[in-house]
Amino acid sequence: MQLLEFEKPAAELERELEKLRAKSASQNIDLSKEISTMEGKLAETRAEIYKNLTPWQRVQIARHTNRPFMLDYVSLAFTDFCELHGDRHIGDDASMPGGFARIGGKRVVVIGHQKGRDTKENLKRNFGSAHPEGYRKAMRLMKIAEKFGLPVITMIDTPGAFPGIGAEERNIAEAIAYNLREMMLLKVPIIAVVLGEGGSGGALGIGVADRVIMMENAYYSVISPEGCAAILWKHRKHAPEAAEAMKLVAPDLKELGLIDGVILEPTGGAHRDHQATADSFRDKILSLIEELSALSTEQLLEARYQKFRAFGEWQGKA
């Protein structure tokens, strides 16, 4: 498993714990007292590390290669997933899978960014950076959801939309802008969850929702910390300072009123326990579906409009 720099003290204790367990088993020695002491120390160290994470450390966790991705949540939190393909214009985009599913017995349409864990899968998924056809496919599925009165669940996990020449030629900006407008007008509940990275317009292209929530160790920002550092400090090494200044992690965004909730992760991050994370995800989604389903279409659309109109604050002298 990928080891982050700040996790090394806990990793060292884990290795010591495994040595004690192996010695106890191989030599038939009762080391239960020592193992228990080490387990307590490990739990205490982990809790201390993850209680005081900096924004940059949360960004690193958000990018962890073992973190559950969109299709992991589909597998663990949803049932009866039926993937639909193609945007009916250019083709299919494997970096933006979506289709029909059930969650807690409720029928929904689920859409999201999908990354890969190895080179082959990353090439297939385009490193989670969707093409224009990905956003057009997403909107096609949302229109189907609207036709059948199904809630839409979107899962955001992208460093940004694909910036290549081909994407520009096929009008990536128009595809995202169209989604922003149409999602604002969609007549069914929309719930957006930032799973890991929520980068720029690539995230917003499926992020206009009645409820926008984030995983505890995700980030949501107009630009990556490295990109911001390159602009303001002229060097990517200042990414930690940029992450601190940008207020891009869940606690800051919740305080600013830009997101509606945070899904807590197991100690050590979502990559430590996929199933527990997916269970928390499912419980939160079900409660939001119930909450939004109680609203009439007119109430839903008006509340969505007012939600986004209220964004932004003016600070300074009048």
C-alpha atoms as a PDB file:
ATOM      1  CA  MET A   1       0.000   0.000   0.000  1.00  0.00           C
ATOM      2  CA  GLN A   2       1.179   3.519  -0.820  1.00  0.00           C
ATOM      3  CA  LEU A   3       2.740   5.064   2.296  1.00  0.00           C
ATOM      4  CA  LEU A   4       2.476   8.816   2.831  1.00  0.00           C
ATOM      5  CA  GLU A   5       5.300  10.647   4.596  1.00  0.00           C
ATOM      6  CA  PHE A   6       3.279  11.647   7.658  1.00  0.00           C
ATOM      7  CA  GLU A   7       2.042   8.052   8.087  1.00  0.00           C
ATOM      8  CA  LYS A   8       5.545   6.664   8.719  1.00  0.00           C
ATOM      9  CA  PRO A   9       5.414   6.732  12.559  1.00  0.00           C
ATOM     10  CA  ALA A  10       2.268   4.576  12.490  1.00  0.00           C
ATOM     11  CA  ALA A  11       3.737   2.335   9.778  1.00  0.00           C
ATOM     12  CA  GLU A  12       6.791   1.649  11.940  1.00  0.00           C
ATOM     13  CA  LEU A  13       4.561   0.599  14.826  1.00  0.00           C
ATOM     14  CA  GLU A  14       2.577  -1.629  12.461  1.00  0.00           C
ATOM     15  CA  ARG A  15       5.770  -3.412  11.444  1.00  0.00           C
ATOM     16  CA  GLU A  16       6.743  -3.928  15.085  1.00  0.00           C
ATOM     17  CA  LEU A  17       3.272  -5.282  15.831  1.00  0.00           C
ATOM     18  CA  GLU A  18       3.484  -7.750  12.945  1.00  0.00           C
ATOM     19  CA  LYS A  19       6.886  -8.945  14.189  1.00  0.00           C
ATOM     20  CA  LEU A  20       5.446  -9.602  17.651  1.00  0.00           C
ATOM     21  CA  ARG A  21       2.506 -11.529  16.195  1.00  0.00           C
ATOM     22  CA  ALA A  22       4.778 -13.559  13.942  1.00  0.00           C
ATOM     23  CA  LYS A  23       7.139 -14.359  16.835  1.00  0.00           C
ATOM     24  CA  SER A  24       4.227 -15.369  19.045  1.00  0.00           C
ATOM     25  CA  ALA A  25       2.864 -17.706  16.358  1.00  0.00           C
ATOM     26  CA  SER A  26       6.161 -19.212  15.156  1.00  0.00           C
ATOM     27  CA  GLN A  27       7.720 -19.785  18.588  1.00  0.00           C
ATOM     28  CA  ASN A  28       4.483 -20.556  20.434  1.00  0.00           C
ATOM     29  CA  ILE A  29       5.191 -17.800  22.988  1.00  0.00           C
ATOM     30  CA  ASP A  30       2.454 -15.900  24.826  1.00  0.00           C
ATOM     31  CA  LEU A  31       3.081 -12.275  23.896  1.00  0.00           C
ATOM     32  CA  SER A  32      -0.540 -11.191  24.283  1.00  0.00           C
ATOM     33  CA  LYS A  33       0.346  -8.480  26.814  1.00  0.00           C
ATOM     34  CA  GLU A  34       3.043  -6.977  24.579  1.00  0.00           C
ATOM     35  CA  ILE A  35       0.774  -7.231  21.509  1.00  0.00           C
ATOM     36  CA  SER A  36      -2.066  -5.517  23.351  1.00  0.00           C
ATOM     37  CA  THR A  37       0.244  -2.705  24.485  1.00  0.00           C
ATOM     38  CA  MET A  38       1.536  -2.243  20.941  1.00  0.00           C
ATOM     39  CA  GLU A  39      -2.005  -2.237  19.507  1.00  0.00           C
ATOM     40  CA  GLY A  40      -2.972   0.492  21.953  1.00  0.00           C
ATOM     41  CA  LYS A  41       0.085   2.545  21.073  1.00  0.00           C
ATOM     42  CA  LEU A  42      -0.632   2.136  17.355  1.00  0.00           C
ATOM     43  CA  ALA A  43      -4.265   3.213  17.747  1.00  0.00           C
ATOM     44  CA  GLU A  44      -3.177   6.221  19.804  1.00  0.00           C
ATOM     45  CA  THR A  45      -0.532   7.224  17.249  1.00  0.00           C
ATOM     46  CA  ARG A  46      -2.962   6.915  14.336  1.00  0.00           C
ATOM     47  CA  ALA A  47      -5.601   8.947  16.151  1.00  0.00           C
ATOM     48  CA  GLU A  48      -3.068  11.680  16.909  1.00  0.00           C
ATOM     49  CA  ILE A  49      -1.823  11.816  13.310  1.00  0.00           C
ATOM     50  CA  TYR A  50      -5.267  11.969  11.728  1.00  0.00           C
ATOM     51  CA  LYS A  51      -6.683  14.375  14.300  1.00  0.00           C
ATOM     52  CA  ASN A  52      -4.248  17.094  13.262  1.00  0.00           C
ATOM     53  CA  LEU A  53      -4.030  16.766   9.484  1.00  0.00           C
ATOM     54  CA  THR A  54      -2.986  19.823   7.503  1.00  0.00           C
ATOM     55  CA  PRO A  55      -4.833  20.739   4.277  1.00  0.00           C
ATOM     56  CA  TRP A  56      -1.870  19.486   2.237  1.00  0.00           C
ATOM     57  CA  GLN A  57      -1.906  16.148   4.037  1.00  0.00           C
ATOM     58  CA  ARG A  58      -5.629  15.812   3.259  1.00  0.00           C
ATOM     59  CA  VAL A  59      -4.855  16.517  -0.397  1.00  0.00           C
ATOM     60  CA  GLN A  60      -2.300  13.684  -0.327  1.00  0.00           C
ATOM     61  CA  ILE A  61      -4.883  11.324   1.187  1.00  0.00           C
ATOM     62  CA  ALA A  62      -7.440  12.414  -1.437  1.00  0.00           C
ATOM     63  CA  ARG A  63      -4.993  11.239  -4.122  1.00  0.00           C
ATOM     64  CA  HIS A  64      -4.108   7.928  -2.447  1.00  0.00           C
ATOM     65  CA  THR A  65      -4.088   5.142  -5.036  1.00  0.00           C
ATOM     66  CA  ASN A  66      -5.815   2.695  -2.666  1.00  0.00           C
ATOM     67  CA  ARG A  67      -8.648   5.082  -1.894  1.00  0.00           C
ATOM     68  CA  PRO A  68     -12.071   3.765  -3.003  1.00  0.00           C
ATOM     69  CA  PHE A  69     -13.002   5.117  -6.437  1.00  0.00           C
ATOM     70  CA  MET A  70     -16.418   5.655  -7.988  1.00  0.00           C
ATOM     71  CA  LEU A  71     -16.939   2.064  -9.136  1.00  0.00           C
ATOM     72  CA  ASP A  72     -15.791   0.787  -5.727  1.00  0.00           C
ATOM     73  CA  TYR A  73     -18.655   2.709  -4.127  1.00  0.00           C
ATOM     74  CA  VAL A  74     -21.019   1.391  -6.798  1.00  0.00           C
ATOM     75  CA  SER A  75     -19.951  -2.144  -5.938  1.00  0.00           C
ATOM     76  CA  LEU A  76     -20.055  -1.715  -2.144  1.00  0.00           C
ATOM     77  CA  ALA A  77     -22.935   0.720  -1.558  1.00  0.00           C
ATOM     78  CA  PHE A  78     -25.259   0.123  -4.525  1.00  0.00           C
ATOM     79  CA  THR A  79     -26.920  -2.926  -6.072  1.00  0.00           C
ATOM     80  CA  ASP A  80     -28.251  -3.834  -9.523  1.00  0.00           C
ATOM     81  CA  PHE A  81     -25.904  -1.456 -11.343  1.00  0.00           C
ATOM     82  CA  CYS A  82     -26.578  -1.378 -15.087  1.00  0.00           C
ATOM     83  CA  GLU A  83     -23.998   0.728 -16.910  1.00  0.00           C
ATOM     84  CA  LEU A  84     -25.065   2.783 -19.924  1.00  0.00           C
ATOM     85  CA  HIS A  85     -22.584   3.880 -22.573  1.00  0.00           C
ATOM     86  CA  GLY A  86     -22.120   6.642 -25.106  1.00  0.00           C
ATOM     87  CA  ASP A  87     -23.096  10.280 -25.512  1.00  0.00           C
ATOM     88  CA  ARG A  88     -24.957   9.805 -28.842  1.00  0.00           C
ATOM     89  CA  HIS A  89     -22.564  12.306 -30.460  1.00  0.00           C
ATOM     90  CA  ILE A  90     -18.950  11.053 -30.434  1.00  0.00           C
ATOM     91  CA  GLY A  91     -18.699   7.874 -28.382  1.00  0.00           C
ATOM     92  CA  ASP A  92     -18.192   6.543 -24.887  1.00  0.00           C
ATOM     93  CA  ASP A  93     -15.866   7.925 -22.207  1.00  0.00           C
ATOM     94  CA  ALA A  94     -14.573   5.332 -19.755  1.00  0.00           C
ATOM     95  CA  SER A  95     -13.493   8.069 -17.325  1.00  0.00           C
ATOM     96  CA  MET A  96     -17.171   8.912 -16.671  1.00  0.00           C
ATOM     97  CA  PRO A  97     -19.132   5.679 -16.102  1.00  0.00           C
ATOM     98  CA  GLY A  98     -22.790   5.823 -15.147  1.00  0.00           C
ATOM     99  CA  GLY A  99     -26.103   4.026 -15.264  1.00  0.00           C
ATOM    100  CA  PHE A 100     -29.089   2.761 -13.311  1.00  0.00           C
ATOM    101  CA  ALA A 101     -28.653   1.347  -9.800  1.00  0.00           C
ATOM    102  CA  ARG A 102     -30.382   0.841  -6.476  1.00  0.00           C
ATOM    103  CA  ILE A 103     -29.240   2.114  -3.108  1.00  0.00           C
ATOM    104  CA  GLY A 104     -31.090   0.851  -0.061  1.00  0.00           C
ATOM    105  CA  GLY A 105     -33.768  -0.424  -2.424  1.00  0.00           C
ATOM    106  CA  LYS A 106     -34.303   3.010  -3.991  1.00  0.00           C
ATOM    107  CA  ARG A 107     -33.815   3.340  -7.751  1.00  0.00           C
ATOM    108  CA  VAL A 108     -31.347   6.033  -8.811  1.00  0.00           C
ATOM    109  CA  VAL A 109     -29.085   7.065 -11.658  1.00  0.00           C
ATOM    110  CA  VAL A 110     -25.434   7.146 -10.598  1.00  0.00           C
ATOM    111  CA  ILE A 111     -22.648   8.925 -12.513  1.00  0.00           C
ATOM    112  CA  GLY A 112     -19.050   9.731 -11.622  1.00  0.00           C
ATOM    113  CA  HIS A 113     -15.401  10.133 -12.454  1.00  0.00           C
ATOM    114  CA  GLN A 114     -13.386   6.915 -12.407  1.00  0.00           C
ATOM    115  CA  LYS A 115      -9.609   6.761 -11.955  1.00  0.00           C
ATOM    116  CA  GLY A 116      -7.305   3.778 -12.414  1.00  0.00           C
ATOM    117  CA  ARG A 117      -4.923   2.076 -10.007  1.00  0.00           C
ATOM    118  CA  ASP A 118      -2.304   0.993 -12.528  1.00  0.00           C
ATOM    119  CA  THR A 119      -0.972   2.322 -15.825  1.00  0.00           C
ATOM    120  CA  LYS A 120      -3.257   0.191 -17.994  1.00  0.00           C
ATOM    121  CA  GLU A 121      -6.412   1.199 -16.146  1.00  0.00           C
ATOM    122  CA  ASN A 122      -5.342   4.837 -15.899  1.00  0.00           C
ATOM    123  CA  LEU A 123      -4.905   4.963 -19.659  1.00  0.00           C
ATOM    124  CA  LYS A 124      -8.359   3.454 -20.107  1.00  0.00           C
ATOM    125  CA  ARG A 125      -9.898   5.896 -17.611  1.00  0.00           C
ATOM    126  CA  ASN A 126      -7.758   8.838 -18.795  1.00  0.00           C
ATOM    127  CA  PHE A 127      -6.531   9.351 -15.204  1.00  0.00           C
ATOM    128  CA  GLY A 128     -10.055  10.393 -14.189  1.00  0.00           C
ATOM    129  CA  SER A 129     -10.060  13.428 -16.500  1.00  0.00           C
ATOM    130  CA  ALA A 130     -13.200  13.288 -18.611  1.00  0.00           C
ATOM    131  CA  HIS A 131     -13.518  14.264 -22.262  1.00  0.00           C
ATOM    132  CA  PRO A 132     -16.450  16.305 -23.638  1.00  0.00           C
ATOM    133  CA  GLU A 133     -18.271  13.071 -24.463  1.00  0.00           C
ATOM    134  CA  GLY A 134     -18.051  12.117 -20.768  1.00  0.00           C
ATOM    135  CA  TYR A 135     -19.946  15.232 -19.730  1.00  0.00           C
ATOM    136  CA  ARG A 136     -22.432  14.816 -22.572  1.00  0.00           C
ATOM    137  CA  LYS A 137     -23.001  11.200 -21.541  1.00  0.00           C
ATOM    138  CA  ALA A 138     -23.515  12.354 -17.955  1.00  0.00           C
ATOM    139  CA  MET A 139     -26.185  14.831 -19.074  1.00  0.00           C
ATOM    140  CA  ARG A 140     -27.860  12.196 -21.247  1.00  0.00           C
ATOM    141  CA  LEU A 141     -28.170   9.959 -18.191  1.00  0.00           C
ATOM    142  CA  MET A 142     -29.490  12.837 -16.081  1.00  0.00           C
ATOM    143  CA  LYS A 143     -32.199  13.483 -18.670  1.00  0.00           C
ATOM    144  CA  ILE A 144     -33.146   9.805 -18.496  1.00  0.00           C
ATOM    145  CA  ALA A 145     -33.328  10.129 -14.695  1.00  0.00           C
ATOM    146  CA  GLU A 146     -35.603  13.133 -15.083  1.00  0.00           C
ATOM    147  CA  LYS A 147     -37.850  11.225 -17.504  1.00  0.00           C
ATOM    148  CA  PHE A 148     -38.357   8.390 -15.012  1.00  0.00           C
ATOM    149  CA  GLY A 149     -38.381  10.546 -11.859  1.00  0.00           C
ATOM    150  CA  LEU A 150     -35.185   9.070 -10.400  1.00  0.00           C
ATOM    151  CA  PRO A 151     -32.752  10.883  -8.075  1.00  0.00           C
ATOM    152  CA  VAL A 152     -29.302  11.530  -9.545  1.00  0.00           C
ATOM    153  CA  ILE A 153     -26.158  10.676  -7.551  1.00  0.00           C
ATOM    154  CA  THR A 154     -22.897  12.081  -8.921  1.00  0.00           C
ATOM    155  CA  MET A 155     -19.450  11.180  -7.591  1.00  0.00           C
ATOM    156  CA  ILE A 156     -16.667  13.700  -8.194  1.00  0.00           C
ATOM    157  CA  ASP A 157     -13.057  12.520  -8.274  1.00  0.00           C
ATOM    158  CA  THR A 158     -10.961  14.299 -10.879  1.00  0.00           C
ATOM    159  CA  PRO A 159      -7.936  16.586 -11.061  1.00  0.00           C
ATOM    160  CA  GLY A 160      -9.870  18.402 -13.802  1.00  0.00           C
ATOM    161  CA  ALA A 161     -11.427  17.896 -17.218  1.00  0.00           C
ATOM    162  CA  PHE A 162      -9.044  16.673 -19.924  1.00  0.00           C
ATOM    163  CA  PRO A 163      -7.139  19.698 -21.313  1.00  0.00           C
ATOM    164  CA  GLY A 164      -5.905  18.120 -24.579  1.00  0.00           C
ATOM    165  CA  ILE A 165      -6.312  19.457 -28.121  1.00  0.00           C
ATOM    166  CA  GLY A 166      -8.932  16.822 -28.955  1.00  0.00           C
ATOM    167  CA  ALA A 167     -11.066  17.884 -25.999  1.00  0.00           C
ATOM    168  CA  GLU A 168     -10.834  21.507 -27.115  1.00  0.00           C
ATOM    169  CA  GLU A 169     -11.751  20.555 -30.670  1.00  0.00           C
ATOM    170  CA  ARG A 170     -14.860  18.761 -29.359  1.00  0.00           C
ATOM    171  CA  ASN A 171     -15.801  21.781 -27.191  1.00  0.00           C
ATOM    172  CA  ILE A 172     -15.036  20.724 -23.621  1.00  0.00           C
ATOM    173  CA  ALA A 173     -15.929  24.183 -22.269  1.00  0.00           C
ATOM    174  CA  GLU A 174     -19.338  24.108 -23.982  1.00  0.00           C
ATOM    175  CA  ALA A 175     -20.041  20.593 -22.704  1.00  0.00           C
ATOM    176  CA  ILE A 176     -19.337  21.635 -19.102  1.00  0.00           C
ATOM    177  CA  ALA A 177     -21.215  24.939 -19.409  1.00  0.00           C
ATOM    178  CA  TYR A 178     -24.235  23.122 -20.845  1.00  0.00           C
ATOM    179  CA  ASN A 179     -24.217  20.740 -17.874  1.00  0.00           C
ATOM    180  CA  LEU A 180     -24.096  23.639 -15.410  1.00  0.00           C
ATOM    181  CA  ARG A 181     -27.209  25.170 -16.931  1.00  0.00           C
ATOM    182  CA  GLU A 182     -29.157  21.946 -17.377  1.00  0.00           C
ATOM    183  CA  MET A 183     -28.364  20.591 -13.902  1.00  0.00           C
ATOM    184  CA  MET A 184     -29.728  23.798 -12.418  1.00  0.00           C
ATOM    185  CA  LEU A 185     -33.028  23.077 -14.194  1.00  0.00           C
ATOM    186  CA  LEU A 186     -33.235  19.292 -13.694  1.00  0.00           C
ATOM    187  CA  LYS A 187     -36.576  18.365 -12.088  1.00  0.00           C
ATOM    188  CA  VAL A 188     -35.322  15.544  -9.872  1.00  0.00           C
ATOM    189  CA  PRO A 189     -33.141  15.558  -6.725  1.00  0.00           C
ATOM    190  CA  ILE A 190     -29.395  15.749  -7.375  1.00  0.00           C
ATOM    191  CA  ILE A 191     -26.770  14.759  -4.800  1.00  0.00           C
ATOM    192  CA  ALA A 192     -23.078  15.324  -5.531  1.00  0.00           C
ATOM    193  CA  VAL A 193     -20.315  13.716  -3.463  1.00  0.00           C
ATOM    194  CA  VAL A 194     -16.654  14.732  -3.715  1.00  0.00           C
ATOM    195  CA  LEU A 195     -14.844  11.420  -3.170  1.00  0.00           C
ATOM    196  CA  GLY A 196     -11.222  12.529  -3.494  1.00  0.00           C
ATOM    197  CA  GLU A 197     -10.069  15.233  -5.869  1.00  0.00           C
ATOM    198  CA  GLY A 198     -12.560  17.884  -6.932  1.00  0.00           C
ATOM    199  CA  GLY A 199     -10.664  19.901  -9.494  1.00  0.00           C
ATOM    200  CA  SER A 200     -11.882  22.960 -11.387  1.00  0.00           C
ATOM    201  CA  GLY A 201     -14.602  22.874 -14.069  1.00  0.00           C
ATOM    202  CA  GLY A 202     -14.078  19.150 -14.440  1.00  0.00           C
ATOM    203  CA  ALA A 203     -15.650  18.737 -10.996  1.00  0.00           C
ATOM    204  CA  LEU A 204     -18.345  21.381 -11.521  1.00  0.00           C
ATOM    205  CA  GLY A 205     -19.500  19.649 -14.716  1.00  0.00           C
ATOM    206  CA  ILE A 206     -21.339  17.110 -12.522  1.00  0.00           C
ATOM    207  CA  GLY A 207     -21.362  19.205  -9.341  1.00  0.00           C
ATOM    208  CA  VAL A 208     -24.441  21.442  -9.557  1.00  0.00           C
ATOM    209  CA  ALA A 209     -26.664  19.716  -7.016  1.00  0.00           C
ATOM    210  CA  ASP A 210     -29.280  20.170  -4.318  1.00  0.00           C
ATOM    211  CA  ARG A 211     -26.814  18.762  -1.809  1.00  0.00           C
ATOM    212  CA  VAL A 212     -23.047  18.836  -2.287  1.00  0.00           C
ATOM    213  CA  ILE A 213     -21.182  16.789   0.292  1.00  0.00           C
ATOM    214  CA  MET A 214     -17.570  15.713   0.687  1.00  0.00           C
ATOM    215  CA  MET A 215     -15.668  12.825   2.091  1.00  0.00           C
ATOM    216  CA  GLU A 216     -13.668  13.906   5.132  1.00  0.00           C
ATOM    217  CA  ASN A 217     -10.317  13.739   3.327  1.00  0.00           C
ATOM    218  CA  ALA A 218     -11.317  15.139  -0.064  1.00  0.00           C
ATOM    219  CA  TYR A 219     -10.636  18.545  -1.577  1.00  0.00           C
ATOM    220  CA  TYR A 220     -12.697  20.784  -3.863  1.00  0.00           C
ATOM    221  CA  SER A 221     -11.039  23.706  -5.587  1.00  0.00           C
ATOM    222  CA  VAL A 222     -10.813  25.879  -8.696  1.00  0.00           C
ATOM    223  CA  ILE A 223      -7.174  24.820  -9.156  1.00  0.00           C
ATOM    224  CA  SER A 224      -4.770  22.295  -7.658  1.00  0.00           C
ATOM    225  CA  PRO A 225      -2.418  23.454  -4.877  1.00  0.00           C
ATOM    226  CA  GLU A 226       0.522  22.847  -7.234  1.00  0.00           C
ATOM    227  CA  GLY A 227      -1.094  25.004  -9.931  1.00  0.00           C
ATOM    228  CA  CYS A 228      -1.797  27.788  -7.457  1.00  0.00           C
ATOM    229  CA  ALA A 229       1.761  27.618  -6.103  1.00  0.00           C
ATOM    230  CA  ALA A 230       3.182  27.807  -9.625  1.00  0.00           C
ATOM    231  CA  ILE A 231       1.203  31.014 -10.247  1.00  0.00           C
ATOM    232  CA  LEU A 232       1.671  32.798  -6.919  1.00  0.00           C
ATOM    233  CA  TRP A 233       5.064  31.526  -5.762  1.00  0.00           C
ATOM    234  CA  LYS A 234       6.481  30.551  -9.171  1.00  0.00           C
ATOM    235  CA  HIS A 235       7.283  27.052  -7.867  1.00  0.00           C
ATOM    236  CA  ARG A 236       5.290  23.903  -7.092  1.00  0.00           C
ATOM    237  CA  LYS A 237       7.246  23.324  -3.876  1.00  0.00           C
ATOM    238  CA  HIS A 238       4.947  25.861  -2.194  1.00  0.00           C
ATOM    239  CA  ALA A 239       1.912  23.611  -2.697  1.00  0.00           C
ATOM    240  CA  PRO A 240       1.473  23.060   1.093  1.00  0.00           C
ATOM    241  CA  GLU A 241       1.216  26.823   1.686  1.00  0.00           C
ATOM    242  CA  ALA A 242      -1.180  27.121  -1.238  1.00  0.00           C
ATOM    243  CA  ALA A 243      -3.387  24.344   0.139  1.00  0.00           C
ATOM    244  CA  GLU A 244      -3.555  26.154   3.480  1.00  0.00           C
ATOM    245  CA  ALA A 245      -4.462  29.494   1.883  1.00  0.00           C
ATOM    246  CA  MET A 246      -7.024  28.139  -0.595  1.00  0.00           C
ATOM    247  CA  LYS A 247      -9.449  26.716   2.006  1.00  0.00           C
ATOM    248  CA  LEU A 248     -10.062  23.679  -0.196  1.00  0.00           C
ATOM    249  CA  VAL A 249     -10.707  20.886   2.323  1.00  0.00           C
ATOM    250  CA  ALA A 250     -14.056  19.778   3.736  1.00  0.00           C
ATOM    251  CA  PRO A 251     -13.948  21.525   7.166  1.00  0.00           C
ATOM    252  CA  ASP A 252     -13.124  24.900   5.562  1.00  0.00           C
ATOM    253  CA  LEU A 253     -15.696  24.558   2.783  1.00  0.00           C
ATOM    254  CA  LYS A 254     -18.394  23.542   5.266  1.00  0.00           C
ATOM    255  CA  GLU A 255     -17.611  26.611   7.380  1.00  0.00           C
ATOM    256  CA  LEU A 256     -17.838  28.816   4.274  1.00  0.00           C
ATOM    257  CA  GLY A 257     -21.216  27.297   3.375  1.00  0.00           C
ATOM    258  CA  LEU A 258     -20.013  25.966   0.023  1.00  0.00           C
ATOM    259  CA  ILE A 259     -20.846  22.356   0.851  1.00  0.00           C
ATOM    260  CA  ASP A 260     -23.740  20.859   2.777  1.00  0.00           C
ATOM    261  CA  GLY A 261     -22.091  18.086   4.747  1.00  0.00           C
ATOM    262  CA  VAL A 262     -19.091  15.873   5.391  1.00  0.00           C
ATOM    263  CA  ILE A 263     -18.956  12.071   5.449  1.00  0.00           C
ATOM    264  CA  LEU A 264     -16.508  10.932   8.116  1.00  0.00           C
ATOM    265  CA  GLU A 265     -13.899   8.347   7.154  1.00  0.00           C
ATOM    266  CA  PRO A 266     -12.384   5.546   9.258  1.00  0.00           C
ATOM    267  CA  THR A 267      -9.277   6.497  11.209  1.00  0.00           C
ATOM    268  CA  GLY A 268      -6.418   6.401   8.728  1.00  0.00           C
ATOM    269  CA  GLY A 269      -8.559   7.404   5.759  1.00  0.00           C
ATOM    270  CA  ALA A 270     -11.020   5.730   3.406  1.00  0.00           C
ATOM    271  CA  HIS A 271      -8.245   3.592   1.888  1.00  0.00           C
ATOM    272  CA  ARG A 272      -7.933   1.745   5.217  1.00  0.00           C
ATOM    273  CA  ASP A 273     -11.471   0.342   5.160  1.00  0.00           C
ATOM    274  CA  HIS A 274     -13.469   0.490   1.927  1.00  0.00           C
ATOM    275  CA  GLN A 275     -16.549  -1.242   3.307  1.00  0.00           C
ATOM    276  CA  ALA A 276     -16.915   0.963   6.387  1.00  0.00           C
ATOM    277  CA  THR A 277     -16.502   4.039   4.192  1.00  0.00           C
ATOM    278  CA  ALA A 278     -19.100   2.773   1.714  1.00  0.00           C
ATOM    279  CA  ASP A 279     -21.537   2.059   4.574  1.00  0.00           C
ATOM    280  CA  SER A 280     -21.226   5.663   5.804  1.00  0.00           C
ATOM    281  CA  PHE A 281     -21.648   6.875   2.229  1.00  0.00           C
ATOM    282  CA  ARG A 282     -24.810   4.811   1.722  1.00  0.00           C
ATOM    283  CA  ASP A 283     -26.379   5.976   4.989  1.00  0.00           C
ATOM    284  CA  LYS A 284     -25.775   9.632   4.125  1.00  0.00           C
ATOM    285  CA  ILE A 285     -27.101   9.290   0.579  1.00  0.00           C
ATOM    286  CA  LEU A 286     -30.275   7.555   1.754  1.00  0.00           C
ATOM    287  CA  SER A 287     -30.991  10.261   4.331  1.00  0.00           C
ATOM    288  CA  LEU A 288     -30.516  12.978   1.687  1.00  0.00           C
ATOM    289  CA  ILE A 289     -32.752  11.193  -0.833  1.00  0.00           C
ATOM    290  CA  GLU A 290     -35.487  10.998   1.802  1.00  0.00           C
ATOM    291  CA  GLU A 291     -35.025  14.676   2.684  1.00  0.00           C
ATOM    292  CA  LEU A 292     -35.124  15.895  -0.944  1.00  0.00           C
ATOM    293  CA  SER A 293     -37.939  13.585  -2.023  1.00  0.00           C
ATOM    294  CA  ALA A 294     -40.248  15.341   0.443  1.00  0.00           C
ATOM    295  CA  LEU A 295     -40.030  18.551  -1.636  1.00  0.00           C
ATOM    296  CA  SER A 296     -42.256  19.336  -4.596  1.00  0.00           C
ATOM    297  CA  THR A 297     -40.593  19.990  -7.945  1.00  0.00           C
ATOM    298  CA  GLU A 298     -41.179  23.740  -7.540  1.00  0.00           C
ATOM    299  CA  GLN A 299     -39.691  23.749  -4.030  1.00  0.00           C
ATOM    300  CA  LEU A 300     -36.717  21.691  -5.192  1.00  0.00           C
ATOM    301  CA  LEU A 301     -35.868  24.027  -8.087  1.00  0.00           C
ATOM    302  CA  GLU A 302     -36.348  27.194  -6.023  1.00  0.00           C
ATOM    303  CA  ALA A 303     -34.177  25.874  -3.177  1.00  0.00           C
ATOM    304  CA  ARG A 304     -31.457  24.866  -5.654  1.00  0.00           C
ATOM    305  CA  TYR A 305     -31.535  28.322  -7.241  1.00  0.00           C
ATOM    306  CA  GLN A 306     -31.349  30.098  -3.890  1.00  0.00           C
ATOM    307  CA  LYS A 307     -28.552  27.801  -2.717  1.00  0.00           C
ATOM    308  CA  PHE A 308     -26.228  28.856  -5.518  1.00  0.00           C
ATOM    309  CA  ARG A 309     -27.358  32.507  -5.475  1.00  0.00           C
ATOM    310  CA  ALA A 310     -26.265  32.714  -1.839  1.00  0.00           C
ATOM    311  CA  PHE A 311     -22.656  31.751  -2.553  1.00  0.00           C
ATOM    312  CA  GLY A 312     -19.987  34.362  -1.979  1.00  0.00           C
ATOM    313  CA  GLU A 313     -19.217  36.981   0.661  1.00  0.00           C
ATOM    314  CA  TRP A 314     -18.063  40.564   0.485  1.00  0.00           C
ATOM    315  CA  GLN A 315     -15.421  41.577   2.973  1.00  0.00           C
ATOM    316  CA  GLY A 316     -14.095  45.115   3.374  1.00  0.00           C
ATOM    317  CA  LYS A 317     -15.297  48.654   3.779  1.00  0.00           C
ATOM    318  CA  ALA A 318     -18.640  49.650   2.286  1.00  0.00           C
END
